[in-house]
Amino acid sequence: MTSRFYLAGALPLALASCGGATALPDVTYLTKPAAEAVTPRRTGYASPIRNYTARPVVEPSDWRDLNRAQEPQ
């Protein structure tokens, strides 16, 4: 019973090996850059805390005063 399975698997492989080899497609365009004239932009170091604003801890205050301070004048 298992020899039939081996034969069924080996038969397509044997028939495929009898055929001629086909040429592979040309894929050299895949390794070329999209725009060869463009140079990469050089970037400098940017500190991750450059926009840091120190906000010291304060005691809780009335939220109404905070809302009045933030409303447009």
N, C-alpha and C. Protein backbone atom coordinates (compact mmCIF):
# COMPACT_ATOMS: atom_id res chain seq x y z
N MET A 1 0.82 -1.19 0.00
CA MET A 1 0.00 0.00 0.00
C MET A 1 0.87 1.26 0.00
N THR A 2 1.91 1.27 0.84
CA THR A 2 2.75 2.48 0.89
C THR A 2 3.61 2.61 -0.36
N SER A 3 3.89 1.50 -1.04
CA SER A 3 4.69 1.60 -2.26
C SER A 3 3.93 2.35 -3.34
N ARG A 4 2.61 2.30 -3.30
CA ARG A 4 1.81 3.05 -4.27
C ARG A 4 1.94 4.56 -4.02
N PHE A 5 2.00 4.93 -2.75
CA PHE A 5 2.17 6.35 -2.42
C PHE A 5 3.54 6.84 -2.86
N TYR A 6 4.58 6.02 -2.66
CA TYR A 6 5.92 6.40 -3.10
C TYR A 6 5.97 6.52 -4.62
N LEU A 7 5.33 5.59 -5.30
CA LEU A 7 5.30 5.63 -6.76
C LEU A 7 4.52 6.84 -7.25
N ALA A 8 3.42 7.15 -6.58
CA ALA A 8 2.62 8.31 -6.96
C ALA A 8 3.39 9.61 -6.74
N GLY A 9 4.28 9.65 -5.76
CA GLY A 9 5.08 10.84 -5.51
C GLY A 9 6.30 10.92 -6.40
N ALA A 10 6.88 9.77 -6.74
CA ALA A 10 8.10 9.75 -7.54
C ALA A 10 7.82 9.91 -9.03
N LEU A 11 6.66 9.50 -9.48
CA LEU A 11 6.35 9.58 -10.91
C LEU A 11 6.34 11.02 -11.43
N PRO A 12 5.70 11.97 -10.78
CA PRO A 12 5.76 13.35 -11.28
C PRO A 12 7.17 13.94 -11.23
N LEU A 13 7.94 13.57 -10.22
CA LEU A 13 9.32 14.07 -10.14
C LEU A 13 10.16 13.53 -11.29
N ALA A 14 9.98 12.25 -11.61
CA ALA A 14 10.74 11.65 -12.71
C ALA A 14 10.34 12.27 -14.05
N LEU A 15 9.06 12.50 -14.25
CA LEU A 15 8.61 13.11 -15.49
C LEU A 15 9.07 14.57 -15.61
N ALA A 16 9.13 15.28 -14.51
CA ALA A 16 9.57 16.68 -14.53
C ALA A 16 11.05 16.78 -14.83
N SER A 17 11.82 15.79 -14.41
CA SER A 17 13.27 15.85 -14.66
C SER A 17 13.60 15.59 -16.12
N CYS A 18 12.70 15.03 -16.86
CA CYS A 18 12.96 14.75 -18.27
C CYS A 18 12.83 16.00 -19.14
N GLY A 19 12.14 17.01 -18.65
CA GLY A 19 11.93 18.22 -19.44
C GLY A 19 13.19 19.07 -19.47
N GLY A 20 13.25 19.98 -20.42
CA GLY A 20 14.39 20.87 -20.54
C GLY A 20 14.33 21.99 -19.51
N ALA A 21 15.48 22.52 -19.17
CA ALA A 21 15.54 23.60 -18.21
C ALA A 21 15.18 24.92 -18.90
N THR A 22 14.42 25.75 -18.23
CA THR A 22 14.05 27.05 -18.78
C THR A 22 15.00 28.11 -18.23
N ALA A 23 15.20 29.15 -19.00
CA ALA A 23 16.08 30.24 -18.58
C ALA A 23 15.39 31.06 -17.50
N LEU A 24 16.17 31.52 -16.53
CA LEU A 24 15.63 32.35 -15.47
C LEU A 24 15.40 33.76 -15.98
N PRO A 25 14.40 34.45 -15.46
CA PRO A 25 14.15 35.81 -15.93
C PRO A 25 15.23 36.78 -15.44
N ASP A 26 15.41 37.88 -16.17
CA ASP A 26 16.38 38.89 -15.81
C ASP A 26 15.79 39.77 -14.70
N VAL A 27 16.41 39.75 -13.54
CA VAL A 27 15.90 40.52 -12.39
C VAL A 27 16.94 41.50 -11.88
N THR A 28 17.87 41.91 -12.70
CA THR A 28 18.91 42.85 -12.25
C THR A 28 18.33 44.22 -11.96
N TYR A 29 17.18 44.57 -12.52
CA TYR A 29 16.57 45.87 -12.26
C TYR A 29 16.11 45.98 -10.81
N LEU A 30 15.94 44.87 -10.12
CA LEU A 30 15.47 44.91 -8.74
C LEU A 30 16.51 45.46 -7.78
N THR A 31 17.78 45.38 -8.13
CA THR A 31 18.84 45.83 -7.24
C THR A 31 19.26 47.27 -7.51
N LYS A 32 18.76 47.89 -8.56
CA LYS A 32 19.12 49.26 -8.89
C LYS A 32 18.25 50.23 -8.10
N PRO A 33 18.81 51.38 -7.72
CA PRO A 33 17.98 52.37 -7.01
C PRO A 33 16.97 53.01 -7.96
N ALA A 34 15.92 53.55 -7.40
CA ALA A 34 14.87 54.16 -8.21
C ALA A 34 15.37 55.42 -8.91
N ALA A 35 16.12 56.25 -8.21
CA ALA A 35 16.66 57.47 -8.79
C ALA A 35 18.15 57.51 -8.46
N GLU A 36 18.98 57.30 -9.44
CA GLU A 36 20.41 57.21 -9.21
C GLU A 36 21.04 58.57 -8.94
N ALA A 37 20.43 59.68 -9.39
CA ALA A 37 21.03 60.99 -9.25
C ALA A 37 20.77 61.60 -7.86
N VAL A 38 19.86 61.06 -7.10
CA VAL A 38 19.51 61.63 -5.81
C VAL A 38 20.47 61.09 -4.75
N THR A 39 21.05 62.01 -3.98
CA THR A 39 21.93 61.60 -2.88
C THR A 39 21.15 61.62 -1.58
N PRO A 40 21.48 60.77 -0.66
CA PRO A 40 20.74 60.76 0.60
C PRO A 40 21.03 62.02 1.41
N ARG A 41 20.05 62.49 2.12
CA ARG A 41 20.19 63.69 2.94
C ARG A 41 20.94 63.34 4.21
N ARG A 42 21.88 64.17 4.56
CA ARG A 42 22.64 63.97 5.79
C ARG A 42 21.89 64.66 6.93
N THR A 43 21.69 63.96 7.98
CA THR A 43 21.02 64.54 9.13
C THR A 43 21.97 64.56 10.31
N GLY A 44 21.84 65.55 11.11
CA GLY A 44 22.68 65.67 12.30
C GLY A 44 22.01 65.04 13.50
N TYR A 45 22.70 65.08 14.60
CA TYR A 45 22.17 64.53 15.83
C TYR A 45 21.08 65.46 16.36
N ALA A 46 19.97 64.90 16.76
CA ALA A 46 18.89 65.66 17.37
C ALA A 46 18.64 65.08 18.76
N SER A 47 18.76 65.91 19.74
CA SER A 47 18.57 65.47 21.12
C SER A 47 17.10 65.08 21.33
N PRO A 48 16.86 63.96 21.98
CA PRO A 48 15.46 63.56 22.20
C PRO A 48 14.73 64.44 23.20
N ILE A 49 15.45 65.23 23.97
CA ILE A 49 14.79 66.10 24.96
C ILE A 49 14.99 67.57 24.61
N ARG A 50 15.14 67.91 23.35
CA ARG A 50 15.42 69.30 22.96
C ARG A 50 14.22 70.20 23.22
N ASN A 51 13.02 69.70 23.20
CA ASN A 51 11.82 70.51 23.44
C ASN A 51 11.26 70.32 24.85
N TYR A 52 12.08 69.84 25.75
CA TYR A 52 11.63 69.56 27.11
C TYR A 52 11.36 70.86 27.85
N THR A 53 10.23 70.91 28.51
CA THR A 53 9.89 72.04 29.35
C THR A 53 9.75 71.54 30.78
N ALA A 54 10.51 72.12 31.66
CA ALA A 54 10.46 71.70 33.06
C ALA A 54 9.17 72.18 33.69
N ARG A 55 8.46 71.26 34.31
CA ARG A 55 7.22 71.58 35.00
C ARG A 55 7.34 71.06 36.42
N PRO A 56 7.65 71.94 37.34
CA PRO A 56 7.84 71.47 38.71
C PRO A 56 6.51 71.03 39.33
N VAL A 57 6.62 70.21 40.33
CA VAL A 57 5.44 69.72 41.03
C VAL A 57 4.88 70.85 41.88
N VAL A 58 3.57 71.05 41.78
CA VAL A 58 2.91 72.09 42.56
C VAL A 58 1.77 71.45 43.35
N GLU A 59 1.33 72.19 44.31
CA GLU A 59 0.22 71.70 45.13
C GLU A 59 -1.08 71.80 44.33
N PRO A 60 -2.04 70.94 44.61
CA PRO A 60 -3.32 71.03 43.92
C PRO A 60 -3.98 72.38 44.20
N SER A 61 -4.60 72.92 43.17
CA SER A 61 -5.31 74.19 43.34
C SER A 61 -6.72 74.03 42.77
N ASP A 62 -7.48 75.08 42.90
CA ASP A 62 -8.86 75.06 42.45
C ASP A 62 -8.90 74.97 40.92
N TRP A 63 -9.67 74.06 40.35
CA TRP A 63 -9.71 73.87 38.91
C TRP A 63 -10.38 75.04 38.20
N ARG A 64 -11.22 75.77 38.91
CA ARG A 64 -11.88 76.93 38.30
C ARG A 64 -10.85 78.02 37.96
N ASP A 65 -9.89 78.22 38.88
CA ASP A 65 -8.84 79.22 38.60
C ASP A 65 -8.00 78.79 37.42
N LEU A 66 -7.72 77.51 37.29
CA LEU A 66 -6.94 77.02 36.16
C LEU A 66 -7.70 77.21 34.86
N ASN A 67 -8.99 76.97 34.84
CA ASN A 67 -9.79 77.18 33.64
C ASN A 67 -9.84 78.66 33.26
N ARG A 68 -9.97 79.54 34.25
CA ARG A 68 -9.98 80.96 33.95
C ARG A 68 -8.64 81.43 33.40
N ALA A 69 -7.55 80.86 33.86
CA ALA A 69 -6.23 81.26 33.38
C ALA A 69 -5.99 80.79 31.94
N GLN A 70 -6.66 79.73 31.52
CA GLN A 70 -6.43 79.19 30.19
C GLN A 70 -7.43 79.67 29.14
N GLU A 71 -8.48 80.35 29.55
CA GLU A 71 -9.46 80.80 28.57
C GLU A 71 -8.91 81.98 27.78
N PRO A 72 -9.39 82.15 26.51
CA PRO A 72 -8.88 83.25 25.70
C PRO A 72 -9.25 84.60 26.30
N GLN A 73 -8.39 85.55 26.13
CA GLN A 73 -8.62 86.90 26.69
C GLN A 73 -9.44 87.74 25.76
